[in-house]
C-alpha atoms as a PDB file:
ATOM      1  CA  MET A   1      36.353   1.955 100.427  1.00  0.00           C
ATOM      2  CA  ARG A   2      32.816   2.306  99.163  1.00  0.00           C
ATOM      3  CA  LEU A   3      32.308   2.231  95.394  1.00  0.00           C
ATOM      4  CA  HIS A   4      29.327   4.140  93.921  1.00  0.00           C
ATOM      5  CA  ARG A   5      27.133   2.126  91.501  1.00  0.00           C
ATOM      6  CA  ARG A   6      28.164   4.419  88.697  1.00  0.00           C
ATOM      7  CA  THR A   7      31.837   3.171  89.202  1.00  0.00           C
ATOM      8  CA  VAL A   8      30.737  -0.360  89.195  1.00  0.00           C
ATOM      9  CA  VAL A   9      28.653   0.084  86.043  1.00  0.00           C
ATOM     10  CA  ALA A  10      31.476   1.760  84.239  1.00  0.00           C
ATOM     11  CA  ALA A  11      33.972  -1.121  85.270  1.00  0.00           C
ATOM     12  CA  LEU A  12      31.409  -3.799  84.130  1.00  0.00           C
ATOM     13  CA  ALA A  13      30.793  -2.077  80.869  1.00  0.00           C
ATOM     14  CA  ALA A  14      34.496  -1.753  80.139  1.00  0.00           C
ATOM     15  CA  ALA A  15      34.913  -5.431  80.741  1.00  0.00           C
ATOM     16  CA  GLY A  16      31.964  -6.296  78.533  1.00  0.00           C
ATOM     17  CA  LEU A  17      30.023  -7.801  81.434  1.00  0.00           C
ATOM     18  CA  PRO A  18      26.141  -7.472  81.907  1.00  0.00           C
ATOM     19  CA  MET A  19      24.939  -4.227  83.510  1.00  0.00           C
ATOM     20  CA  PRO A  20      23.266  -4.628  86.805  1.00  0.00           C
ATOM     21  CA  LEU A  21      19.481  -4.134  87.254  1.00  0.00           C
ATOM     22  CA  PHE A  22      19.185  -1.081  89.598  1.00  0.00           C
ATOM     23  CA  ALA A  23      15.575  -1.977  90.308  1.00  0.00           C
ATOM     24  CA  GLN A  24      16.970  -5.051  92.221  1.00  0.00           C
ATOM     25  CA  GLY A  25      19.039  -2.837  94.484  1.00  0.00           C
ATOM     26  CA  LYS A  26      18.073   0.746  95.636  1.00  0.00           C
ATOM     27  CA  ILE A  27      18.348   3.702  93.439  1.00  0.00           C
ATOM     28  CA  VAL A  28      19.019   6.892  95.450  1.00  0.00           C
ATOM     29  CA  LEU A  29      17.233   9.874  94.075  1.00  0.00           C
ATOM     30  CA  GLY A  30      17.558  13.515  95.072  1.00  0.00           C
ATOM     31  CA  PHE A  31      14.498  15.643  94.570  1.00  0.00           C
ATOM     32  CA  SER A  32      14.724  19.502  94.696  1.00  0.00           C
ATOM     33  CA  GLN A  33      11.139  20.784  94.983  1.00  0.00           C
ATOM     34  CA  ILE A  34      10.193  24.481  94.525  1.00  0.00           C
ATOM     35  CA  GLY A  35       8.308  24.682  97.785  1.00  0.00           C
ATOM     36  CA  ALA A  36       4.730  24.251  98.870  1.00  0.00           C
ATOM     37  CA  GLU A  37       3.131  27.475  97.446  1.00  0.00           C
ATOM     38  CA  SER A  38       0.024  25.858  96.219  1.00  0.00           C
ATOM     39  CA  GLU A  39      -2.296  22.773  96.583  1.00  0.00           C
ATOM     40  CA  TRP A  40      -1.011  21.439  93.337  1.00  0.00           C
ATOM     41  CA  ARG A  41       2.593  21.587  94.417  1.00  0.00           C
ATOM     42  CA  THR A  42       1.779  19.752  97.585  1.00  0.00           C
ATOM     43  CA  ALA A  43       0.044  16.983  95.595  1.00  0.00           C
ATOM     44  CA  ASN A  44       3.000  16.852  93.189  1.00  0.00           C
ATOM     45  CA  THR A  45       5.434  16.280  96.108  1.00  0.00           C
ATOM     46  CA  GLU A  46       3.259  13.580  97.574  1.00  0.00           C
ATOM     47  CA  SER A  47       3.010  11.889  94.216  1.00  0.00           C
ATOM     48  CA  ILE A  48       6.660  11.655  93.876  1.00  0.00           C
ATOM     49  CA  LYS A  49       7.250  10.429  97.431  1.00  0.00           C
ATOM     50  CA  SER A  50       4.647   7.813  97.118  1.00  0.00           C
ATOM     51  CA  ALA A  51       5.769   6.510  93.793  1.00  0.00           C
ATOM     52  CA  ALA A  52       9.428   6.433  94.963  1.00  0.00           C
ATOM     53  CA  LYS A  53       8.435   4.444  97.960  1.00  0.00           C
ATOM     54  CA  ASP A  54       6.420   2.025  95.923  1.00  0.00           C
ATOM     55  CA  ALA A  55       9.369   1.567  93.468  1.00  0.00           C
ATOM     56  CA  GLY A  56      11.776   0.799  96.354  1.00  0.00           C
ATOM     57  CA  ILE A  57      13.674   3.967  95.586  1.00  0.00           C
ATOM     58  CA  GLU A  58      15.478   5.888  98.356  1.00  0.00           C
ATOM     59  CA  LEU A  59      14.296   9.576  98.095  1.00  0.00           C
ATOM     60  CA  LYS A  60      16.390  12.500  99.439  1.00  0.00           C
ATOM     61  CA  PHE A  61      13.872  15.492  99.438  1.00  0.00           C
ATOM     62  CA  SER A  62      14.694  19.127  99.641  1.00  0.00           C
ATOM     63  CA  ASP A  63      12.078  21.965  99.888  1.00  0.00           C
ATOM     64  CA  ALA A  64      13.523  25.142  98.499  1.00  0.00           C
ATOM     65  CA  GLN A  65      10.902  27.499  99.879  1.00  0.00           C
ATOM     66  CA  GLN A  66      10.613  29.144  96.459  1.00  0.00           C
ATOM     67  CA  LYS A  67      14.307  30.254  96.337  1.00  0.00           C
ATOM     68  CA  GLN A  68      16.792  29.227  93.560  1.00  0.00           C
ATOM     69  CA  GLU A  69      19.707  29.555  95.870  1.00  0.00           C
ATOM     70  CA  ASN A  70      18.253  26.778  98.011  1.00  0.00           C
ATOM     71  CA  GLN A  71      17.788  24.488  95.028  1.00  0.00           C
ATOM     72  CA  ILE A  72      21.356  25.081  93.897  1.00  0.00           C
ATOM     73  CA  LYS A  73      22.540  24.118  97.316  1.00  0.00           C
ATOM     74  CA  ALA A  74      20.412  21.060  97.378  1.00  0.00           C
ATOM     75  CA  ILE A  75      21.679  19.897  94.059  1.00  0.00           C
ATOM     76  CA  ARG A  76      25.338  20.225  95.194  1.00  0.00           C
ATOM     77  CA  SER A  77      24.458  18.404  98.236  1.00  0.00           C
ATOM     78  CA  PHE A  78      22.887  15.586  96.212  1.00  0.00           C
ATOM     79  CA  ILE A  79      26.096  15.495  94.043  1.00  0.00           C
ATOM     80  CA  ALA A  80      28.247  15.234  97.134  1.00  0.00           C
ATOM     81  CA  GLN A  81      26.179  12.406  98.519  1.00  0.00           C
ATOM     82  CA  GLY A  82      26.624  10.497  95.156  1.00  0.00           C
ATOM     83  CA  VAL A  83      22.936  10.028  94.363  1.00  0.00           C
ATOM     84  CA  ASP A  84      22.060   8.149  91.185  1.00  0.00           C
ATOM     85  CA  ALA A  85      19.709  10.712  89.749  1.00  0.00           C
ATOM     86  CA  ILE A  86      18.184  14.093  90.482  1.00  0.00           C
ATOM     87  CA  PHE A  87      14.664  15.425  89.982  1.00  0.00           C
ATOM     88  CA  LEU A  88      14.512  19.195  89.747  1.00  0.00           C
ATOM     89  CA  ALA A  89      11.397  21.433  89.638  1.00  0.00           C
ATOM     90  CA  PRO A  90      13.118  24.704  88.708  1.00  0.00           C
ATOM     91  CA  VAL A  91      11.690  27.814  90.414  1.00  0.00           C
ATOM     92  CA  VAL A  92      12.929  29.969  87.571  1.00  0.00           C
ATOM     93  CA  SER A  93      14.185  29.228  84.078  1.00  0.00           C
ATOM     94  CA  THR A  94      17.707  30.718  84.126  1.00  0.00           C
ATOM     95  CA  GLY A  95      20.786  30.398  86.157  1.00  0.00           C
ATOM     96  CA  TRP A  96      21.192  26.635  86.271  1.00  0.00           C
ATOM     97  CA  ASP A  97      24.113  26.091  83.846  1.00  0.00           C
ATOM     98  CA  ALA A  98      26.908  25.947  86.389  1.00  0.00           C
ATOM     99  CA  VAL A  99      25.332  23.473  88.864  1.00  0.00           C
ATOM    100  CA  LEU A 100      23.866  21.251  86.128  1.00  0.00           C
ATOM    101  CA  LYS A 101      27.249  21.008  84.539  1.00  0.00           C
ATOM    102  CA  GLU A 102      28.578  19.772  87.893  1.00  0.00           C
ATOM    103  CA  ALA A 103      25.810  17.087  87.966  1.00  0.00           C
ATOM    104  CA  LYS A 104      26.662  16.048  84.379  1.00  0.00           C
ATOM    105  CA  GLU A 105      30.424  15.871  85.177  1.00  0.00           C
ATOM    106  CA  ALA A 106      29.466  13.595  88.067  1.00  0.00           C
ATOM    107  CA  LYS A 107      27.479  11.477  85.642  1.00  0.00           C
ATOM    108  CA  ILE A 108      24.282  12.047  87.578  1.00  0.00           C
ATOM    109  CA  ALA A 109      21.144  12.251  85.358  1.00  0.00           C
ATOM    110  CA  VAL A 110      18.832  15.206  85.967  1.00  0.00           C
ATOM    111  CA  VAL A 111      15.120  15.169  85.122  1.00  0.00           C
ATOM    112  CA  LEU A 112      13.081  18.382  85.045  1.00  0.00           C
ATOM    113  CA  LEU A 113       9.578  18.246  86.524  1.00  0.00           C
ATOM    114  CA  ASP A 114       6.678  20.635  85.800  1.00  0.00           C
ATOM    115  CA  ARG A 115       8.929  23.507  84.551  1.00  0.00           C
ATOM    116  CA  ASP A 116      11.553  23.798  81.961  1.00  0.00           C
ATOM    117  CA  ILE A 117      14.752  25.903  81.888  1.00  0.00           C
ATOM    118  CA  ASP A 118      16.409  28.149  79.369  1.00  0.00           C
ATOM    119  CA  PRO A 119      17.021  26.490  76.018  1.00  0.00           C
ATOM    120  CA  SER A 120      20.801  26.952  76.394  1.00  0.00           C
ATOM    121  CA  GLY A 121      20.861  24.382  79.142  1.00  0.00           C
ATOM    122  CA  LYS A 122      19.033  21.612  77.426  1.00  0.00           C
ATOM    123  CA  GLU A 123      22.082  19.396  76.943  1.00  0.00           C
ATOM    124  CA  LEU A 124      22.588  19.459  80.734  1.00  0.00           C
ATOM    125  CA  TYR A 125      19.433  17.378  81.622  1.00  0.00           C
ATOM    126  CA  LEU A 126      18.119  13.923  80.541  1.00  0.00           C
ATOM    127  CA  THR A 127      14.506  14.806  79.949  1.00  0.00           C
ATOM    128  CA  ALA A 128      11.752  17.216  81.100  1.00  0.00           C
ATOM    129  CA  VAL A 129       8.374  15.946  82.350  1.00  0.00           C
ATOM    130  CA  THR A 130       6.038  18.889  81.847  1.00  0.00           C
ATOM    131  CA  SER A 131       2.756  19.941  80.406  1.00  0.00           C
ATOM    132  CA  ASP A 132       2.452  22.178  77.318  1.00  0.00           C
ATOM    133  CA  SER A 133       1.958  25.266  79.382  1.00  0.00           C
ATOM    134  CA  VAL A 134       1.570  27.551  76.270  1.00  0.00           C
ATOM    135  CA  HIS A 135      -1.353  25.219  75.363  1.00  0.00           C
ATOM    136  CA  GLU A 136      -2.766  25.577  78.837  1.00  0.00           C
ATOM    137  CA  GLY A 137      -2.917  29.236  78.379  1.00  0.00           C
ATOM    138  CA  GLU A 138      -4.492  28.877  74.946  1.00  0.00           C
ATOM    139  CA  VAL A 139      -7.182  26.548  76.243  1.00  0.00           C
ATOM    140  CA  ALA A 140      -7.995  29.057  79.038  1.00  0.00           C
ATOM    141  CA  GLY A 141      -8.216  31.888  76.486  1.00  0.00           C
ATOM    142  CA  GLU A 142     -10.363  29.885  74.041  1.00  0.00           C
ATOM    143  CA  TRP A 143     -12.750  29.013  76.744  1.00  0.00           C
ATOM    144  CA  LEU A 144     -13.201  32.740  77.681  1.00  0.00           C
ATOM    145  CA  ALA A 145     -13.396  33.837  73.945  1.00  0.00           C
ATOM    146  CA  LYS A 146     -16.150  31.223  73.374  1.00  0.00           C
ATOM    147  CA  THR A 147     -17.961  32.130  76.579  1.00  0.00           C
ATOM    148  CA  VAL A 148     -18.220  35.882  76.088  1.00  0.00           C
ATOM    149  CA  GLY A 149     -18.823  35.691  72.249  1.00  0.00           C
ATOM    150  CA  ASP A 150     -18.703  39.176  70.775  1.00  0.00           C
ATOM    151  CA  LYS A 151     -19.166  40.974  74.084  1.00  0.00           C
ATOM    152  CA  ALA A 152     -16.478  43.509  75.074  1.00  0.00           C
ATOM    153  CA  CYS A 153     -14.480  41.984  77.868  1.00  0.00           C
ATOM    154  CA  ASN A 154     -11.912  43.596  80.117  1.00  0.00           C
ATOM    155  CA  VAL A 155      -9.568  40.885  81.616  1.00  0.00           C
ATOM    156  CA  VAL A 156      -7.271  41.155  84.609  1.00  0.00           C
ATOM    157  CA  GLU A 157      -4.511  38.587  84.875  1.00  0.00           C
ATOM    158  CA  LEU A 158      -2.748  37.033  87.906  1.00  0.00           C
ATOM    159  CA  GLN A 159       0.613  35.893  86.703  1.00  0.00           C
ATOM    160  CA  GLY A 160       2.778  33.272  88.254  1.00  0.00           C
ATOM    161  CA  THR A 161       6.278  33.750  89.694  1.00  0.00           C
ATOM    162  CA  VAL A 162       8.386  36.208  87.664  1.00  0.00           C
ATOM    163  CA  GLY A 163      11.032  34.252  85.696  1.00  0.00           C
ATOM    164  CA  ALA A 164       9.205  30.930  85.870  1.00  0.00           C
ATOM    165  CA  SER A 165       8.931  29.260  82.469  1.00  0.00           C
ATOM    166  CA  VAL A 166       5.433  28.107  83.237  1.00  0.00           C
ATOM    167  CA  ALA A 167       4.305  31.665  84.001  1.00  0.00           C
ATOM    168  CA  ALA A 168       5.750  33.067  80.803  1.00  0.00           C
ATOM    169  CA  ASN A 169       4.228  30.287  78.783  1.00  0.00           C
ATOM    170  CA  ARG A 170       0.759  30.453  80.274  1.00  0.00           C
ATOM    171  CA  LYS A 171       0.744  34.167  79.592  1.00  0.00           C
ATOM    172  CA  LYS A 172       2.061  33.670  76.019  1.00  0.00           C
ATOM    173  CA  GLY A 173      -0.673  31.122  75.323  1.00  0.00           C
ATOM    174  CA  PHE A 174      -3.517  33.255  76.636  1.00  0.00           C
ATOM    175  CA  ASP A 175      -2.170  36.439  74.829  1.00  0.00           C
ATOM    176  CA  THR A 176      -2.144  34.478  71.589  1.00  0.00           C
ATOM    177  CA  VAL A 177      -5.848  33.831  71.837  1.00  0.00           C
ATOM    178  CA  VAL A 178      -6.593  37.489  72.978  1.00  0.00           C
ATOM    179  CA  ALA A 179      -4.795  38.852  69.965  1.00  0.00           C
ATOM    180  CA  LYS A 180      -7.290  37.044  67.760  1.00  0.00           C
ATOM    181  CA  HIS A 181     -10.243  38.565  69.490  1.00  0.00           C
ATOM    182  CA  PRO A 182     -10.595  42.353  69.451  1.00  0.00           C
ATOM    183  CA  ASN A 183     -13.278  42.335  71.998  1.00  0.00           C
ATOM    184  CA  LEU A 184     -10.945  40.799  74.642  1.00  0.00           C
ATOM    185  CA  LYS A 185      -8.530  43.195  76.329  1.00  0.00           C
ATOM    186  CA  VAL A 186      -6.104  42.468  79.223  1.00  0.00           C
ATOM    187  CA  VAL A 187      -6.326  45.646  81.159  1.00  0.00           C
ATOM    188  CA  ARG A 188      -4.209  44.691  84.110  1.00  0.00           C
ATOM    189  CA  SER A 189      -1.596  42.039  84.681  1.00  0.00           C
ATOM    190  CA  GLN A 190       0.542  41.486  87.767  1.00  0.00           C
ATOM    191  CA  THR A 191       2.234  38.638  89.466  1.00  0.00           C
ATOM    192  CA  GLY A 192       0.540  36.827  92.367  1.00  0.00           C
ATOM    193  CA  ASP A 193       3.643  34.523  92.810  1.00  0.00           C
ATOM    194  CA  PHE A 194       1.343  31.396  92.569  1.00  0.00           C
ATOM    195  CA  THR A 195       0.007  31.839  96.203  1.00  0.00           C
ATOM    196  CA  ARG A 196      -3.449  32.458  97.488  1.00  0.00           C
ATOM    197  CA  ALA A 197      -2.402  35.262  99.783  1.00  0.00           C
ATOM    198  CA  LYS A 198      -0.776  37.207  97.002  1.00  0.00           C
ATOM    199  CA  GLY A 199      -3.524  36.427  94.574  1.00  0.00           C
ATOM    200  CA  LYS A 200      -5.992  37.920  96.933  1.00  0.00           C
ATOM    201  CA  GLU A 201      -3.824  40.947  97.514  1.00  0.00           C
ATOM    202  CA  VAL A 202      -3.346  41.726  93.809  1.00  0.00           C
ATOM    203  CA  MET A 203      -7.029  41.059  93.092  1.00  0.00           C
ATOM    204  CA  GLU A 204      -7.962  43.573  95.770  1.00  0.00           C
ATOM    205  CA  SER A 205      -5.780  46.185  93.960  1.00  0.00           C
ATOM    206  CA  PHE A 206      -7.425  45.335  90.691  1.00  0.00           C
ATOM    207  CA  ILE A 207     -10.834  45.759  92.005  1.00  0.00           C
ATOM    208  CA  LYS A 208      -9.956  49.141  93.572  1.00  0.00           C
ATOM    209  CA  ALA A 209      -8.328  50.345  90.359  1.00  0.00           C
ATOM    210  CA  GLU A 210     -11.303  49.228  88.227  1.00  0.00           C
ATOM    211  CA  GLY A 211     -14.194  51.067  89.839  1.00  0.00           C
ATOM    212  CA  GLY A 212     -14.879  48.512  92.442  1.00  0.00           C
ATOM    213  CA  GLY A 213     -14.640  45.749  89.836  1.00  0.00           C
ATOM    214  CA  LYS A 214     -17.402  47.045  87.800  1.00  0.00           C
ATOM    215  CA  SER A 215     -15.350  47.316  84.666  1.00  0.00           C
ATOM    216  CA  ILE A 216     -13.801  43.849  85.040  1.00  0.00           C
ATOM    217  CA  CYS A 217     -15.508  41.117  82.879  1.00  0.00           C
ATOM    218  CA  ALA A 218     -13.060  38.247  83.763  1.00  0.00           C
ATOM    219  CA  VAL A 219      -9.992  37.231  85.724  1.00  0.00           C
ATOM    220  CA  TYR A 220      -7.371  34.779  84.293  1.00  0.00           C
ATOM    221  CA  ALA A 221      -4.980  33.290  86.856  1.00  0.00           C
ATOM    222  CA  HIS A 222      -1.914  31.162  86.124  1.00  0.00           C
ATOM    223  CA  ASN A 223      -3.049  28.856  88.814  1.00  0.00           C
ATOM    224  CA  ASP A 224      -6.039  27.899  90.860  1.00  0.00           C
ATOM    225  CA  ASP A 225      -4.551  28.967  94.299  1.00  0.00           C
ATOM    226  CA  MET A 226      -4.218  32.557  93.149  1.00  0.00           C
ATOM    227  CA  MET A 227      -7.842  32.317  91.828  1.00  0.00           C
ATOM    228  CA  VAL A 228      -9.083  31.051  95.257  1.00  0.00           C
ATOM    229  CA  GLY A 229      -7.563  34.138  96.704  1.00  0.00           C
ATOM    230  CA  ALA A 230      -9.103  36.343  94.001  1.00  0.00           C
ATOM    231  CA  ILE A 231     -12.487  34.778  94.655  1.00  0.00           C
ATOM    232  CA  GLN A 232     -12.199  35.798  98.273  1.00  0.00           C
ATOM    233  CA  ALA A 233     -11.171  39.221  97.332  1.00  0.00           C
ATOM    234  CA  MET A 234     -14.186  39.574  94.998  1.00  0.00           C
ATOM    235  CA  LYS A 235     -16.573  38.303  97.790  1.00  0.00           C
ATOM    236  CA  GLU A 236     -15.337  40.672 100.266  1.00  0.00           C
ATOM    237  CA  ALA A 237     -15.796  43.591  97.755  1.00  0.00           C
ATOM    238  CA  GLY A 238     -19.495  42.645  97.395  1.00  0.00           C
ATOM    239  CA  LEU A 239     -19.022  41.017  93.957  1.00  0.00           C
ATOM    240  CA  LYS A 240     -20.324  37.650  92.872  1.00  0.00           C
ATOM    241  CA  PRO A 241     -17.321  35.676  91.469  1.00  0.00           C
ATOM    242  CA  GLY A 242     -18.380  33.363  88.591  1.00  0.00           C
ATOM    243  CA  LYS A 243     -21.265  35.672  87.764  1.00  0.00           C
ATOM    244  CA  ASP A 244     -20.308  39.332  87.976  1.00  0.00           C
ATOM    245  CA  ILE A 245     -16.774  38.366  87.017  1.00  0.00           C
ATOM    246  CA  LEU A 246     -15.984  35.196  85.097  1.00  0.00           C
ATOM    247  CA  THR A 247     -13.007  33.123  86.336  1.00  0.00           C
ATOM    248  CA  VAL A 248     -10.657  30.827  84.460  1.00  0.00           C
ATOM    249  CA  SER A 249      -7.402  29.370  85.844  1.00  0.00           C
ATOM    250  CA  ILE A 250      -5.101  26.417  85.576  1.00  0.00           C
ATOM    251  CA  ASP A 251      -4.186  23.344  87.668  1.00  0.00           C
ATOM    252  CA  ALA A 252      -7.538  21.717  88.664  1.00  0.00           C
ATOM    253  CA  VAL A 253      -7.005  21.575  92.380  1.00  0.00           C
ATOM    254  CA  PRO A 254      -9.734  20.378  94.653  1.00  0.00           C
ATOM    255  CA  ASP A 255     -10.704  23.877  96.051  1.00  0.00           C
ATOM    256  CA  ILE A 256     -11.405  25.268  92.612  1.00  0.00           C
ATOM    257  CA  PHE A 257     -14.059  22.485  92.118  1.00  0.00           C
ATOM    258  CA  LYS A 258     -15.447  23.402  95.557  1.00  0.00           C
ATOM    259  CA  ALA A 259     -15.749  26.955  94.257  1.00  0.00           C
ATOM    260  CA  MET A 260     -17.490  25.719  91.175  1.00  0.00           C
ATOM    261  CA  VAL A 261     -19.999  23.814  93.230  1.00  0.00           C
ATOM    262  CA  ALA A 262     -20.817  27.128  95.104  1.00  0.00           C
ATOM    263  CA  GLY A 263     -21.181  28.878  91.716  1.00  0.00           C
ATOM    264  CA  GLU A 264     -18.099  31.044  92.433  1.00  0.00           C
ATOM    265  CA  ALA A 265     -15.732  29.687  89.671  1.00  0.00           C
ATOM    266  CA  ASN A 266     -16.283  28.906  86.030  1.00  0.00           C
ATOM    267  CA  ALA A 267     -13.399  26.900  84.477  1.00  0.00           C
ATOM    268  CA  THR A 268      -9.993  25.386  85.047  1.00  0.00           C
ATOM    269  CA  VAL A 269      -7.338  23.735  82.937  1.00  0.00           C
ATOM    270  CA  GLU A 270      -6.003  20.566  84.584  1.00  0.00           C
ATOM    271  CA  LEU A 271      -2.273  20.060  85.110  1.00  0.00           C
ATOM    272  CA  THR A 272      -1.731  16.593  86.450  1.00  0.00           C
ATOM    273  CA  PRO A 273       0.454  16.507  89.599  1.00  0.00           C
ATOM    274  CA  ASN A 274       1.323  12.953  88.897  1.00  0.00           C
ATOM    275  CA  MET A 275       4.561  13.217  86.949  1.00  0.00           C
ATOM    276  CA  ALA A 276       6.256  10.542  89.049  1.00  0.00           C
ATOM    277  CA  GLY A 277       5.250   7.628  86.696  1.00  0.00           C
ATOM    278  CA  PRO A 278       6.880   8.891  83.533  1.00  0.00           C
ATOM    279  CA  ALA A 279       9.833  10.500  85.337  1.00  0.00           C
ATOM    280  CA  LEU A 280      10.714   7.380  87.267  1.00  0.00           C
ATOM    281  CA  ASP A 281      10.198   5.145  84.175  1.00  0.00           C
ATOM    282  CA  ALA A 282      12.680   7.383  82.266  1.00  0.00           C
ATOM    283  CA  ILE A 283      15.277   7.138  85.067  1.00  0.00           C
ATOM    284  CA  ILE A 284      15.012   3.407  85.545  1.00  0.00           C
ATOM    285  CA  ALA A 285      15.179   2.680  81.891  1.00  0.00           C
ATOM    286  CA  PHE A 286      18.187   4.972  81.451  1.00  0.00           C
ATOM    287  CA  LYS A 287      19.959   3.386  84.411  1.00  0.00           C
ATOM    288  CA  ASN A 288      19.243  -0.219  83.737  1.00  0.00           C
ATOM    289  CA  LYS A 289      19.390  -0.274  79.940  1.00  0.00           C
ATOM    290  CA  GLY A 290      20.859   2.948  78.717  1.00  0.00           C
ATOM    291  CA  THR A 291      17.640   4.015  77.070  1.00  0.00           C
ATOM    292  CA  VAL A 292      17.684   7.715  76.414  1.00  0.00           C
ATOM    293  CA  PRO A 293      14.100   9.114  76.652  1.00  0.00           C
ATOM    294  CA  PRO A 294      12.814  11.920  74.542  1.00  0.00           C
ATOM    295  CA  LYS A 295      13.912  15.372  75.614  1.00  0.00           C
ATOM    296  CA  TRP A 296      10.241  16.291  76.461  1.00  0.00           C
ATOM    297  CA  ILE A 297       7.755  13.977  78.015  1.00  0.00           C
ATOM    298  CA  GLN A 298       4.455  15.768  77.766  1.00  0.00           C
ATOM    299  CA  THR A 299       1.658  15.299  80.357  1.00  0.00           C
ATOM    300  CA  GLU A 300      -2.098  15.734  79.524  1.00  0.00           C
ATOM    301  CA  SER A 301      -3.975  18.989  79.913  1.00  0.00           C
ATOM    302  CA  LYS A 302      -7.931  19.030  80.141  1.00  0.00           C
ATOM    303  CA  LEU A 303     -10.519  21.752  80.512  1.00  0.00           C
ATOM    304  CA  TYR A 304     -13.149  21.437  83.245  1.00  0.00           C
ATOM    305  CA  THR A 305     -16.139  23.668  83.686  1.00  0.00           C
ATOM    306  CA  ALA A 306     -19.140  23.812  86.135  1.00  0.00           C
ATOM    307  CA  THR A 307     -20.972  21.389  83.727  1.00  0.00           C
ATOM    308  CA  ASP A 308     -18.472  18.481  84.498  1.00  0.00           C
ATOM    309  CA  ASP A 309     -19.972  17.535  87.924  1.00  0.00           C
ATOM    310  CA  PRO A 310     -17.471  19.494  90.044  1.00  0.00           C
ATOM    311  CA  GLN A 311     -18.684  17.834  93.289  1.00  0.00           C
ATOM    312  CA  LYS A 312     -17.665  14.416  91.872  1.00  0.00           C
ATOM    313  CA  ILE A 313     -14.319  15.643  90.829  1.00  0.00           C
ATOM    314  CA  TYR A 314     -13.689  17.423  94.140  1.00  0.00           C
ATOM    315  CA  ASP A 315     -14.518  14.075  95.935  1.00  0.00           C
ATOM    316  CA  SER A 316     -12.166  12.155  93.700  1.00  0.00           C
ATOM    317  CA  LYS A 317      -9.231  14.652  94.201  1.00  0.00           C
ATOM    318  CA  LYS A 318      -9.451  15.713  97.861  1.00  0.00           C
ATOM    319  CA  GLY A 319      -7.573  12.574  99.138  1.00  0.00           C
ATOM    320  CA  LEU A 320      -4.668  12.837  96.593  1.00  0.00           C
ATOM    321  CA  GLY A 321      -2.371  14.925  98.745  1.00  0.00           C
ATOM    322  CA  TYR A 322      -3.592  18.362  97.663  1.00  0.00           C
END
């Protein structure tokens, strides 16, 4: 009969014997990723895979193709396989209670990556490694407010996936700044589902609805991939993105810096894809020493504009799995 490490640890603890160092064996980690909807998501996946390999951790990876039901199936599969821990990048913020209770009952620690879940489920996971996505929206809004000054500015917004915490928070942060500046007005807002194709499609409809884009001052996108699609839509409509229409988005993926070099994008707020370090540190410390991490481990957010040598930043990022 095969004993799971959790059973061995419980027995040793009951006997008052030293706990084993999991780093000397092999931690088995399940990772339920949202999908590959953006350059940032691809880089995030590669950073987790690379860090797990370097740490000698066995990784079981599942791509949910942006469907919550696929993530729930993956988590239940990880539980059945007796993994030591689960990383979850939740596609939406609600509907997790039942499956996370199953993981908790199986004594499997769950770490959230990039996105949070509904507050009612906070006791069901160990920690969340995310940025302050409300702050990201605020930084984007503050850049736009400073850039346009007192000029009247009609803004169109490309939202992320409906129901995703990061989309709601990036909107909330931006709206907070807009509310302080009467000259800023969000005239249209629609989901682009965090993808280039949908971002382009929605921007095309915005341009058509706003007199060929003539009444649009700026576009705010919840991620860079949607903005890259929007830039293409503007160009095809005969507009000059970055000049006729200002752009500000979030993630800081290589292609947005490429657009900055071409004069077609103005600003982006960085969301680091490298969440593996703090997430793995939290799991290893919890497993080996029983150290409980803070409920939220915040990653850094930084504003980049065309004045920050975008070619250099593009060159530094293009080989990082984006």
